[in-house]
Amino acid sequence: KPVVIDFWATWCGPCMRLIPEMEKMAEKYKDQVIFLKVNADKEKELCSMFNVVALPTLFFIPVGGKPIIETGAMPEKYEQIIKDKLLK
């Protein structure tokens, strides 16, 4: 299955506004896409491995394709990426 990884932090206002929107998408696409959340404060090494320098940062990883990396709280755009790039 394709994967969406959301790097976030509690002190990040846009991250906190994005969480309920991403939870709706996770429920909507639960049978088709794996959604993961990474708390940047607790997983600093993982953030470093993924070169995350701004929050929120989302990785949209298709099956057998190149990841799409987006920064910011843009739920409508993110749902379009899921439909157009991950569910093809």
PDB file of N, CA and C in Angstrom:
ATOM      1  N   LYS A   1       0.833  -1.196   0.000  1.00  0.00           N
ATOM      2  CA  LYS A   1       0.000   0.000   0.000  1.00  0.00           C
ATOM      3  C   LYS A   1       0.871   1.250   0.000  1.00  0.00           C
ATOM      4  N   PRO A   2       0.389   2.321  -0.601  1.00  0.00           N
ATOM      5  CA  PRO A   2       1.105   3.592  -0.492  1.00  0.00           C
ATOM      6  C   PRO A   2       1.040   4.117   0.941  1.00  0.00           C
ATOM      7  N   VAL A   3       1.960   5.033   1.250  1.00  0.00           N
ATOM      8  CA  VAL A   3       2.091   5.533   2.625  1.00  0.00           C
ATOM      9  C   VAL A   3       2.118   7.066   2.629  1.00  0.00           C
ATOM     10  N   VAL A   4       1.485   7.644   3.652  1.00  0.00           N
ATOM     11  CA  VAL A   4       1.590   9.079   3.927  1.00  0.00           C
ATOM     12  C   VAL A   4       2.219   9.215   5.309  1.00  0.00           C
ATOM     13  N   ILE A   5       3.332   9.950   5.391  1.00  0.00           N
ATOM     14  CA  ILE A   5       3.991  10.202   6.676  1.00  0.00           C
ATOM     15  C   ILE A   5       3.870  11.690   6.983  1.00  0.00           C
ATOM     16  N   ASP A   6       3.310  12.002   8.136  1.00  0.00           N
ATOM     17  CA  ASP A   6       3.091  13.386   8.573  1.00  0.00           C
ATOM     18  C   ASP A   6       4.027  13.685   9.745  1.00  0.00           C
ATOM     19  N   PHE A   7       5.025  14.546   9.508  1.00  0.00           N
ATOM     20  CA  PHE A   7       5.923  15.002  10.574  1.00  0.00           C
ATOM     21  C   PHE A   7       5.311  16.256  11.184  1.00  0.00           C
ATOM     22  N   TRP A   8       5.111  16.257  12.506  1.00  0.00           N
ATOM     23  CA  TRP A   8       4.398  17.330  13.188  1.00  0.00           C
ATOM     24  C   TRP A   8       4.996  17.560  14.574  1.00  0.00           C
ATOM     25  N   ALA A   9       4.523  18.614  15.245  1.00  0.00           N
ATOM     26  CA  ALA A   9       4.908  18.886  16.639  1.00  0.00           C
ATOM     27  C   ALA A   9       3.759  19.624  17.321  1.00  0.00           C
ATOM     28  N   THR A  10       3.653  19.459  18.634  1.00  0.00           N
ATOM     29  CA  THR A  10       2.557  20.074  19.386  1.00  0.00           C
ATOM     30  C   THR A  10       2.635  21.597  19.390  1.00  0.00           C
ATOM     31  N   TRP A  11       3.838  22.158  19.299  1.00  0.00           N
ATOM     32  CA  TRP A  11       4.019  23.613  19.329  1.00  0.00           C
ATOM     33  C   TRP A  11       3.796  24.262  17.964  1.00  0.00           C
ATOM     34  N   CYS A  12       3.538  23.469  16.950  1.00  0.00           N
ATOM     35  CA  CYS A  12       3.376  23.950  15.572  1.00  0.00           C
ATOM     36  C   CYS A  12       1.891  24.166  15.273  1.00  0.00           C
ATOM     37  N   GLY A  13       1.476  25.436  15.207  1.00  0.00           N
ATOM     38  CA  GLY A  13       0.069  25.756  14.953  1.00  0.00           C
ATOM     39  C   GLY A  13      -0.488  25.128  13.688  1.00  0.00           C
ATOM     40  N   PRO A  14       0.197  25.276  12.535  1.00  0.00           N
ATOM     41  CA  PRO A  14      -0.309  24.644  11.319  1.00  0.00           C
ATOM     42  C   PRO A  14      -0.413  23.119  11.445  1.00  0.00           C
ATOM     43  N   CYS A  15       0.522  22.512  12.171  1.00  0.00           N
ATOM     44  CA  CYS A  15       0.467  21.055  12.388  1.00  0.00           C
ATOM     45  C   CYS A  15      -0.814  20.677  13.119  1.00  0.00           C
ATOM     46  N   MET A  16      -1.116  21.430  14.161  1.00  0.00           N
ATOM     47  CA  MET A  16      -2.285  21.109  14.979  1.00  0.00           C
ATOM     48  C   MET A  16      -3.583  21.324  14.196  1.00  0.00           C
ATOM     49  N   ARG A  17      -3.610  22.319  13.318  1.00  0.00           N
ATOM     50  CA  ARG A  17      -4.794  22.536  12.481  1.00  0.00           C
ATOM     51  C   ARG A  17      -4.940  21.442  11.430  1.00  0.00           C
ATOM     52  N   LEU A  18      -3.822  20.874  10.999  1.00  0.00           N
ATOM     53  CA  LEU A  18      -3.841  19.844   9.960  1.00  0.00           C
ATOM     54  C   LEU A  18      -4.263  18.475  10.501  1.00  0.00           C
ATOM     55  N   ILE A  19      -3.995  18.212  11.774  1.00  0.00           N
ATOM     56  CA  ILE A  19      -4.256  16.884  12.345  1.00  0.00           C
ATOM     57  C   ILE A  19      -5.685  16.396  12.108  1.00  0.00           C
ATOM     58  N   PRO A  20      -6.739  17.164  12.433  1.00  0.00           N
ATOM     59  CA  PRO A  20      -8.089  16.629  12.212  1.00  0.00           C
ATOM     60  C   PRO A  20      -8.387  16.361  10.738  1.00  0.00           C
ATOM     61  N   GLU A  21      -7.829  17.175   9.850  1.00  0.00           N
ATOM     62  CA  GLU A  21      -8.041  16.958   8.415  1.00  0.00           C
ATOM     63  C   GLU A  21      -7.366  15.666   7.958  1.00  0.00           C
ATOM     64  N   MET A  22      -6.149  15.435   8.442  1.00  0.00           N
ATOM     65  CA  MET A  22      -5.435  14.210   8.064  1.00  0.00           C
ATOM     66  C   MET A  22      -6.115  12.985   8.668  1.00  0.00           C
ATOM     67  N   GLU A  23      -6.679  13.133   9.870  1.00  0.00           N
ATOM     68  CA  GLU A  23      -7.402  12.010  10.481  1.00  0.00           C
ATOM     69  C   GLU A  23      -8.632  11.645   9.656  1.00  0.00           C
ATOM     70  N   LYS A  24      -9.311  12.652   9.094  1.00  0.00           N
ATOM     71  CA  LYS A  24     -10.458  12.379   8.210  1.00  0.00           C
ATOM     72  C   LYS A  24     -10.009  11.621   6.970  1.00  0.00           C
ATOM     73  N   MET A  25      -8.886  12.045   6.388  1.00  0.00           N
ATOM     74  CA  MET A  25      -8.369  11.353   5.203  1.00  0.00           C
ATOM     75  C   MET A  25      -7.939   9.933   5.544  1.00  0.00           C
ATOM     76  N   ALA A  26      -7.313   9.770   6.703  1.00  0.00           N
ATOM     77  CA  ALA A  26      -6.877   8.435   7.123  1.00  0.00           C
ATOM     78  C   ALA A  26      -8.073   7.498   7.241  1.00  0.00           C
ATOM     79  N   GLU A  27      -9.176   8.005   7.746  1.00  0.00           N
ATOM     80  CA  GLU A  27     -10.390   7.191   7.855  1.00  0.00           C
ATOM     81  C   GLU A  27     -10.978   6.917   6.471  1.00  0.00           C
ATOM     82  N   LYS A  28     -11.035   7.931   5.648  1.00  0.00           N
ATOM     83  CA  LYS A  28     -11.627   7.814   4.310  1.00  0.00           C
ATOM     84  C   LYS A  28     -10.873   6.816   3.431  1.00  0.00           C
ATOM     85  N   TYR A  29      -9.538   6.816   3.525  1.00  0.00           N
ATOM     86  CA  TYR A  29      -8.705   5.978   2.653  1.00  0.00           C
ATOM     87  C   TYR A  29      -8.045   4.817   3.401  1.00  0.00           C
ATOM     88  N   LYS A  30      -8.601   4.441   4.555  1.00  0.00           N
ATOM     89  CA  LYS A  30      -7.941   3.458   5.428  1.00  0.00           C
ATOM     90  C   LYS A  30      -7.683   2.113   4.759  1.00  0.00           C
ATOM     91  N   ASP A  31      -8.496   1.741   3.788  1.00  0.00           N
ATOM     92  CA  ASP A  31      -8.296   0.455   3.116  1.00  0.00           C
ATOM     93  C   ASP A  31      -7.311   0.539   1.960  1.00  0.00           C
ATOM     94  N   GLN A  32      -6.891   1.757   1.607  1.00  0.00           N
ATOM     95  CA  GLN A  32      -6.055   1.940   0.425  1.00  0.00           C
ATOM     96  C   GLN A  32      -4.685   2.548   0.710  1.00  0.00           C
ATOM     97  N   VAL A  33      -4.566   3.303   1.809  1.00  0.00           N
ATOM     98  CA  VAL A  33      -3.336   4.046   2.108  1.00  0.00           C
ATOM     99  C   VAL A  33      -2.999   3.888   3.589  1.00  0.00           C
ATOM    100  N   ILE A  34      -1.714   3.741   3.889  1.00  0.00           N
ATOM    101  CA  ILE A  34      -1.247   3.701   5.277  1.00  0.00           C
ATOM    102  C   ILE A  34      -0.854   5.122   5.682  1.00  0.00           C
ATOM    103  N   PHE A  35      -1.405   5.612   6.792  1.00  0.00           N
ATOM    104  CA  PHE A  35      -1.099   6.945   7.310  1.00  0.00           C
ATOM    105  C   PHE A  35      -0.284   6.807   8.591  1.00  0.00           C
ATOM    106  N   LEU A  36       0.846   7.515   8.656  1.00  0.00           N
ATOM    107  CA  LEU A  36       1.705   7.508   9.835  1.00  0.00           C
ATOM    108  C   LEU A  36       1.944   8.940  10.297  1.00  0.00           C
ATOM    109  N   LYS A  37       1.985   9.134  11.613  1.00  0.00           N
ATOM    110  CA  LYS A  37       2.301  10.438  12.194  1.00  0.00           C
ATOM    111  C   LYS A  37       3.606  10.309  12.967  1.00  0.00           C
ATOM    112  N   VAL A  38       4.498  11.281  12.783  1.00  0.00           N
ATOM    113  CA  VAL A  38       5.784  11.283  13.480  1.00  0.00           C
ATOM    114  C   VAL A  38       5.896  12.583  14.271  1.00  0.00           C
ATOM    115  N   ASN A  39       5.975  12.460  15.597  1.00  0.00           N
ATOM    116  CA  ASN A  39       6.170  13.620  16.462  1.00  0.00           C
ATOM    117  C   ASN A  39       7.637  14.040  16.359  1.00  0.00           C
ATOM    118  N   ALA A  40       7.866  15.190  15.746  1.00  0.00           N
ATOM    119  CA  ALA A  40       9.231  15.646  15.471  1.00  0.00           C
ATOM    120  C   ALA A  40      10.051  15.856  16.739  1.00  0.00           C
ATOM    121  N   ASP A  41       9.407  16.216  17.846  1.00  0.00           N
ATOM    122  CA  ASP A  41      10.139  16.422  19.095  1.00  0.00           C
ATOM    123  C   ASP A  41      10.619  15.110  19.697  1.00  0.00           C
ATOM    124  N   LYS A  42       9.869  14.046  19.486  1.00  0.00           N
ATOM    125  CA  LYS A  42      10.228  12.745  20.059  1.00  0.00           C
ATOM    126  C   LYS A  42      11.083  11.909  19.118  1.00  0.00           C
ATOM    127  N   GLU A  43      11.078  12.234  17.835  1.00  0.00           N
ATOM    128  CA  GLU A  43      11.787  11.428  16.830  1.00  0.00           C
ATOM    129  C   GLU A  43      12.764  12.290  16.037  1.00  0.00           C
ATOM    130  N   LYS A  44      13.667  12.959  16.747  1.00  0.00           N
ATOM    131  CA  LYS A  44      14.622  13.863  16.099  1.00  0.00           C
ATOM    132  C   LYS A  44      15.525  13.130  15.102  1.00  0.00           C
ATOM    133  N   GLU A  45      15.924  11.915  15.431  1.00  0.00           N
ATOM    134  CA  GLU A  45      16.795  11.155  14.536  1.00  0.00           C
ATOM    135  C   GLU A  45      16.076  10.821  13.229  1.00  0.00           C
ATOM    136  N   LEU A  46      14.802  10.460  13.328  1.00  0.00           N
ATOM    137  CA  LEU A  46      14.006  10.167  12.137  1.00  0.00           C
ATOM    138  C   LEU A  46      13.847  11.427  11.280  1.00  0.00           C
ATOM    139  N   CYS A  47      13.618  12.563  11.927  1.00  0.00           N
ATOM    140  CA  CYS A  47      13.526  13.834  11.195  1.00  0.00           C
ATOM    141  C   CYS A  47      14.827  14.116  10.450  1.00  0.00           C
ATOM    142  N   SER A  48      15.931  13.839  11.100  1.00  0.00           N
ATOM    143  CA  SER A  48      17.231  14.048  10.476  1.00  0.00           C
ATOM    144  C   SER A  48      17.412  13.117   9.278  1.00  0.00           C
ATOM    145  N   MET A  49      17.028  11.859   9.427  1.00  0.00           N
ATOM    146  CA  MET A  49      17.146  10.886   8.335  1.00  0.00           C
ATOM    147  C   MET A  49      16.330  11.308   7.117  1.00  0.00           C
ATOM    148  N   PHE A  50      15.163  11.915   7.358  1.00  0.00           N
ATOM    149  CA  PHE A  50      14.275  12.336   6.275  1.00  0.00           C
ATOM    150  C   PHE A  50      14.517  13.791   5.857  1.00  0.00           C
ATOM    151  N   ASN A  51      15.537  14.434   6.454  1.00  0.00           N
ATOM    152  CA  ASN A  51      15.868  15.831   6.151  1.00  0.00           C
ATOM    153  C   ASN A  51      14.688  16.777   6.356  1.00  0.00           C
ATOM    154  N   VAL A  52      13.929  16.555   7.417  1.00  0.00           N
ATOM    155  CA  VAL A  52      12.791  17.420   7.736  1.00  0.00           C
ATOM    156  C   VAL A  52      13.322  18.662   8.443  1.00  0.00           C
ATOM    157  N   VAL A  53      13.104  19.829   7.838  1.00  0.00           N
ATOM    158  CA  VAL A  53      13.585  21.085   8.419  1.00  0.00           C
ATOM    159  C   VAL A  53      12.447  22.054   8.728  1.00  0.00           C
ATOM    160  N   ALA A  54      11.237  21.759   8.266  1.00  0.00           N
ATOM    161  CA  ALA A  54      10.075  22.606   8.530  1.00  0.00           C
ATOM    162  C   ALA A  54       8.886  21.707   8.868  1.00  0.00           C
ATOM    163  N   LEU A  55       7.948  22.254   9.625  1.00  0.00           N
ATOM    164  CA  LEU A  55       6.766  21.482  10.016  1.00  0.00           C
ATOM    165  C   LEU A  55       5.505  22.254   9.655  1.00  0.00           C
ATOM    166  N   PRO A  56       4.453  21.550   9.317  1.00  0.00           N
ATOM    167  CA  PRO A  56       4.407  20.121   9.039  1.00  0.00           C
ATOM    168  C   PRO A  56       5.073  19.794   7.700  1.00  0.00           C
ATOM    169  N   THR A  57       5.697  18.630   7.641  1.00  0.00           N
ATOM    170  CA  THR A  57       6.219  18.084   6.392  1.00  0.00           C
ATOM    171  C   THR A  57       5.555  16.739   6.186  1.00  0.00           C
ATOM    172  N   LEU A  58       5.057  16.530   4.979  1.00  0.00           N
ATOM    173  CA  LEU A  58       4.389  15.270   4.651  1.00  0.00           C
ATOM    174  C   LEU A  58       5.093  14.595   3.490  1.00  0.00           C
ATOM    175  N   PHE A  59       5.252  13.286   3.621  1.00  0.00           N
ATOM    176  CA  PHE A  59       5.801  12.457   2.558  1.00  0.00           C
ATOM    177  C   PHE A  59       4.665  11.596   2.023  1.00  0.00           C
ATOM    178  N   PHE A  60       4.434  11.668   0.725  1.00  0.00           N
ATOM    179  CA  PHE A  60       3.446  10.831   0.048  1.00  0.00           C
ATOM    180  C   PHE A  60       4.248   9.823  -0.755  1.00  0.00           C
ATOM    181  N   ILE A  61       4.199   8.553  -0.335  1.00  0.00           N
ATOM    182  CA  ILE A  61       5.068   7.541  -0.914  1.00  0.00           C
ATOM    183  C   ILE A  61       4.225   6.525  -1.682  1.00  0.00           C
ATOM    184  N   PRO A  62       4.253   6.607  -3.022  1.00  0.00           N
ATOM    185  CA  PRO A  62       3.490   5.648  -3.817  1.00  0.00           C
ATOM    186  C   PRO A  62       4.192   4.296  -3.846  1.00  0.00           C
ATOM    187  N   VAL A  63       3.456   3.270  -4.207  1.00  0.00           N
ATOM    188  CA  VAL A  63       4.048   1.946  -4.369  1.00  0.00           C
ATOM    189  C   VAL A  63       4.930   1.996  -5.616  1.00  0.00           C
ATOM    190  N   GLY A  64       6.205   1.739  -5.445  1.00  0.00           N
ATOM    191  CA  GLY A  64       7.111   1.677  -6.580  1.00  0.00           C
ATOM    192  C   GLY A  64       7.385   3.007  -7.254  1.00  0.00           C
ATOM    193  N   GLY A  65       7.157   4.105  -6.558  1.00  0.00           N
ATOM    194  CA  GLY A  65       7.399   5.409  -7.166  1.00  0.00           C
ATOM    195  C   GLY A  65       8.224   6.299  -6.269  1.00  0.00           C
ATOM    196  N   LYS A  66       8.522   7.485  -6.772  1.00  0.00           N
ATOM    197  CA  LYS A  66       9.321   8.453  -6.025  1.00  0.00           C
ATOM    198  C   LYS A  66       8.428   9.220  -5.047  1.00  0.00           C
ATOM    199  N   PRO A  67       8.870   9.408  -3.802  1.00  0.00           N
ATOM    200  CA  PRO A  67       8.072  10.151  -2.818  1.00  0.00           C
ATOM    201  C   PRO A  67       7.832  11.603  -3.238  1.00  0.00           C
ATOM    202  N   ILE A  68       6.669  12.098  -2.863  1.00  0.00           N
ATOM    203  CA  ILE A  68       6.315  13.501  -3.051  1.00  0.00           C
ATOM    204  C   ILE A  68       6.394  14.135  -1.667  1.00  0.00           C
ATOM    205  N   ILE A  69       7.147  15.222  -1.548  1.00  0.00           N
ATOM    206  CA  ILE A  69       7.349  15.873  -0.252  1.00  0.00           C
ATOM    207  C   ILE A  69       6.682  17.242  -0.280  1.00  0.00           C
ATOM    208  N   GLU A  70       5.840  17.497   0.704  1.00  0.00           N
ATOM    209  CA  GLU A  70       5.123  18.769   0.802  1.00  0.00           C
ATOM    210  C   GLU A  70       5.287  19.335   2.210  1.00  0.00           C
ATOM    211  N   THR A  71       5.330  20.665   2.301  1.00  0.00           N
ATOM    212  CA  THR A  71       5.433  21.343   3.588  1.00  0.00           C
ATOM    213  C   THR A  71       4.285  22.333   3.721  1.00  0.00           C
ATOM    214  N   GLY A  72       3.703  22.389   4.920  1.00  0.00           N
ATOM    215  CA  GLY A  72       2.619  23.327   5.178  1.00  0.00           C
ATOM    216  C   GLY A  72       1.306  22.607   5.421  1.00  0.00           C
ATOM    217  N   ALA A  73       0.296  23.376   5.812  1.00  0.00           N
ATOM    218  CA  ALA A  73      -1.019  22.811   6.122  1.00  0.00           C
ATOM    219  C   ALA A  73      -1.968  23.098   4.963  1.00  0.00           C
ATOM    220  N   MET A  74      -1.994  22.190   3.989  1.00  0.00           N
ATOM    221  CA  MET A  74      -2.834  22.358   2.799  1.00  0.00           C
ATOM    222  C   MET A  74      -3.632  21.080   2.538  1.00  0.00           C
ATOM    223  N   PRO A  75      -4.630  20.795   3.374  1.00  0.00           N
ATOM    224  CA  PRO A  75      -5.329  19.509   3.285  1.00  0.00           C
ATOM    225  C   PRO A  75      -5.989  19.233   1.939  1.00  0.00           C
ATOM    226  N   GLU A  76      -6.529  20.258   1.274  1.00  0.00           N
ATOM    227  CA  GLU A  76      -7.169  20.018  -0.020  1.00  0.00           C
ATOM    228  C   GLU A  76      -6.139  19.538  -1.040  1.00  0.00           C
ATOM    229  N   LYS A  77      -4.981  20.178  -1.053  1.00  0.00           N
ATOM    230  CA  LYS A  77      -3.904  19.776  -1.960  1.00  0.00           C
ATOM    231  C   LYS A  77      -3.449  18.356  -1.636  1.00  0.00           C
ATOM    232  N   TYR A  78      -3.345  18.045  -0.354  1.00  0.00           N
ATOM    233  CA  TYR A  78      -2.862  16.727   0.043  1.00  0.00           C
ATOM    234  C   TYR A  78      -3.839  15.629  -0.366  1.00  0.00           C
ATOM    235  N   GLU A  79      -5.130  15.903  -0.247  1.00  0.00           N
ATOM    236  CA  GLU A  79      -6.097  14.892  -0.678  1.00  0.00           C
ATOM    237  C   GLU A  79      -6.012  14.690  -2.191  1.00  0.00           C
ATOM    238  N   GLN A  80      -5.760  15.751  -2.933  1.00  0.00           N
ATOM    239  CA  GLN A  80      -5.615  15.625  -4.385  1.00  0.00           C
ATOM    240  C   GLN A  80      -4.388  14.786  -4.726  1.00  0.00           C
ATOM    241  N   ILE A  81      -3.291  14.958  -3.993  1.00  0.00           N
ATOM    242  CA  ILE A  81      -2.091  14.138  -4.211  1.00  0.00           C
ATOM    243  C   ILE A  81      -2.419  12.673  -3.953  1.00  0.00           C
ATOM    244  N   ILE A  82      -3.156  12.404  -2.886  1.00  0.00           N
ATOM    245  CA  ILE A  82      -3.536  11.019  -2.581  1.00  0.00           C
ATOM    246  C   ILE A  82      -4.322  10.434  -3.748  1.00  0.00           C
ATOM    247  N   LYS A  83      -5.319  11.166  -4.230  1.00  0.00           N
ATOM    248  CA  LYS A  83      -6.159  10.672  -5.332  1.00  0.00           C
ATOM    249  C   LYS A  83      -5.363  10.509  -6.624  1.00  0.00           C
ATOM    250  N   ASP A  84      -4.561  11.524  -6.967  1.00  0.00           N
ATOM    251  CA  ASP A  84      -3.888  11.546  -8.269  1.00  0.00           C
ATOM    252  C   ASP A  84      -2.604  10.728  -8.321  1.00  0.00           C
ATOM    253  N   LYS A  85      -1.871  10.673  -7.223  1.00  0.00           N
ATOM    254  CA  LYS A  85      -0.546  10.044  -7.247  1.00  0.00           C
ATOM    255  C   LYS A  85      -0.474   8.707  -6.510  1.00  0.00           C
ATOM    256  N   LEU A  86      -1.221   8.561  -5.421  1.00  0.00           N
ATOM    257  CA  LEU A  86      -1.104   7.332  -4.633  1.00  0.00           C
ATOM    258  C   LEU A  86      -2.117   6.270  -5.039  1.00  0.00           C
ATOM    259  N   LEU A  87      -3.262   6.684  -5.547  1.00  0.00           N
ATOM    260  CA  LEU A  87      -4.331   5.720  -5.840  1.00  0.00           C
ATOM    261  C   LEU A  87      -4.489   5.433  -7.327  1.00  0.00           C
ATOM    262  N   LYS A  88      -3.475   5.683  -8.113  1.00  0.00           N
ATOM    263  CA  LYS A  88      -3.556   5.411  -9.559  1.00  0.00           C
ATOM    264  C   LYS A  88      -3.400   3.948  -9.846  1.00  0.00           C
TER     265      LYS A  88
END
